Amino acid sequence: MRKIKHPTIEQLELTDIMYALADPTRLEIVALLANSGRKLTCGEINLNRPKSSMSHHFKILRSAGLVETLIEGTEHMNSLRFNEVEQKYPGVLNSVLKATKKL
């Protein structure tokens, strides 16, 4: 079983987070994860985009430190690293998620 690498909280950079959130698809993924209140499989995040496109978006979200993906059996379970991001950059995710509800 392969393990997916995630940056530590010390490695999180605000510029990477903002870059990741600048894309509407990635912003939608983050909002879905935040509103779900639980881990979601890649299949549960159906945005009518090709699998390769979704894989690319998840890679960027993971690299920025916004999403954690754990492999459980054959499923890739995704969760928002909300508390970790908010710990390092207080208010960033709250503000972004609040703004998405107004769109």
Protein backbone atom coordinates (compact mmCIF):
# COMPACT_ATOMS: atom_id res chain seq x y z
CA MET A 1 0.00 0.00 0.00
CA ARG A 2 1.41 3.37 -0.95
CA LYS A 3 1.26 6.31 1.40
CA ILE A 4 0.44 9.81 0.21
CA LYS A 5 2.77 12.59 1.38
CA HIS A 6 1.35 15.67 3.06
CA PRO A 7 3.18 18.79 4.21
CA THR A 8 3.55 19.36 7.93
CA ILE A 9 1.94 22.39 9.54
CA GLU A 10 5.36 24.06 9.60
CA GLN A 11 5.64 23.64 5.83
CA LEU A 12 2.31 25.34 5.05
CA GLU A 13 2.75 28.56 3.09
CA LEU A 14 0.00 31.14 2.72
CA THR A 15 0.89 31.72 -0.94
CA ASP A 16 0.40 28.01 -1.72
CA ILE A 17 -2.95 27.99 0.10
CA MET A 18 -4.20 31.06 -1.73
CA TYR A 19 -3.01 29.68 -5.09
CA ALA A 20 -4.89 26.44 -4.45
CA LEU A 21 -8.05 28.31 -3.45
CA ALA A 22 -7.90 30.61 -6.50
CA ASP A 23 -9.26 27.88 -8.78
CA PRO A 24 -13.09 27.51 -8.76
CA THR A 25 -12.95 23.71 -8.88
CA ARG A 26 -10.58 23.47 -5.95
CA LEU A 27 -12.60 26.01 -4.03
CA GLU A 28 -15.69 23.88 -4.63
CA ILE A 29 -13.87 20.76 -3.39
CA VAL A 30 -12.81 22.58 -0.21
CA ALA A 31 -16.36 23.85 0.36
CA LEU A 32 -17.80 20.34 -0.12
CA LEU A 33 -15.33 18.88 2.36
CA ALA A 34 -16.01 21.66 4.87
CA ASN A 35 -19.78 21.27 4.61
CA SER A 36 -19.76 17.47 4.74
CA GLY A 37 -18.40 17.25 8.26
CA ARG A 38 -16.77 13.92 7.40
CA LYS A 39 -14.20 12.32 5.11
CA LEU A 40 -15.35 11.92 1.51
CA THR A 41 -14.17 9.53 -1.15
CA CYS A 42 -13.06 10.91 -4.48
CA GLY A 43 -16.21 9.39 -6.00
CA GLU A 44 -18.43 11.30 -3.58
CA ILE A 45 -16.97 14.57 -4.82
CA ASN A 46 -18.62 14.45 -8.22
CA LEU A 47 -18.08 17.73 -10.04
CA ASN A 48 -18.63 16.35 -13.57
CA ARG A 49 -14.96 16.61 -14.43
CA PRO A 50 -12.60 13.95 -15.78
CA LYS A 51 -10.84 11.77 -13.22
CA SER A 52 -7.45 13.05 -14.39
CA SER A 53 -8.58 16.64 -13.80
CA MET A 54 -9.85 15.82 -10.32
CA SER A 55 -6.59 14.02 -9.50
CA HIS A 56 -4.68 17.14 -10.52
CA HIS A 57 -6.86 19.35 -8.30
CA PHE A 58 -6.47 17.02 -5.31
CA LYS A 59 -2.70 16.98 -5.81
CA ILE A 60 -2.57 20.77 -5.63
CA LEU A 61 -4.86 20.86 -2.58
CA ARG A 62 -2.67 18.26 -0.82
CA SER A 63 0.54 20.08 -1.75
CA ALA A 64 -0.86 23.31 -0.29
CA GLY A 65 -1.75 21.46 2.91
CA LEU A 66 -5.49 21.99 2.60
CA VAL A 67 -6.56 18.38 2.09
CA GLU A 68 -5.42 15.15 3.66
CA THR A 69 -5.97 11.95 1.69
CA LEU A 70 -5.79 8.62 3.50
CA ILE A 71 -5.98 5.28 1.73
CA GLU A 72 -8.44 2.94 3.45
CA GLY A 73 -8.58 -0.33 1.55
CA THR A 74 -9.38 0.64 -2.02
CA GLU A 75 -10.84 4.03 -1.13
CA HIS A 76 -9.07 7.38 -0.99
CA MET A 77 -10.65 9.24 1.92
CA ASN A 78 -10.29 13.02 1.77
CA SER A 79 -10.67 15.48 4.61
CA LEU A 80 -10.10 19.19 5.00
CA ARG A 81 -7.18 20.10 7.27
CA PHE A 82 -9.27 22.94 8.66
CA ASN A 83 -7.93 23.04 12.22
CA GLU A 84 -4.30 22.81 11.15
CA VAL A 85 -4.63 25.58 8.56
CA GLU A 86 -6.58 27.79 10.97
CA GLN A 87 -3.94 27.19 13.65
CA LYS A 88 -1.19 28.52 11.40
CA TYR A 89 -3.23 31.16 9.55
CA PRO A 90 -6.18 32.14 11.77
CA GLY A 91 -9.30 33.16 9.90
CA VAL A 92 -8.11 32.29 6.39
CA LEU A 93 -10.32 29.26 5.75
CA ASN A 94 -13.22 30.71 7.71
CA SER A 95 -13.14 33.85 5.56
CA VAL A 96 -12.84 31.95 2.29
CA LEU A 97 -15.64 29.53 3.16
CA LYS A 98 -17.86 32.38 4.34
CA ALA A 99 -17.30 34.18 1.03
CA THR A 100 -18.22 31.07 -1.00
CA LYS A 101 -21.64 30.99 0.65
CA LYS A 102 -22.31 34.49 -0.71
CA LEU A 103 -21.53 33.50 -4.32
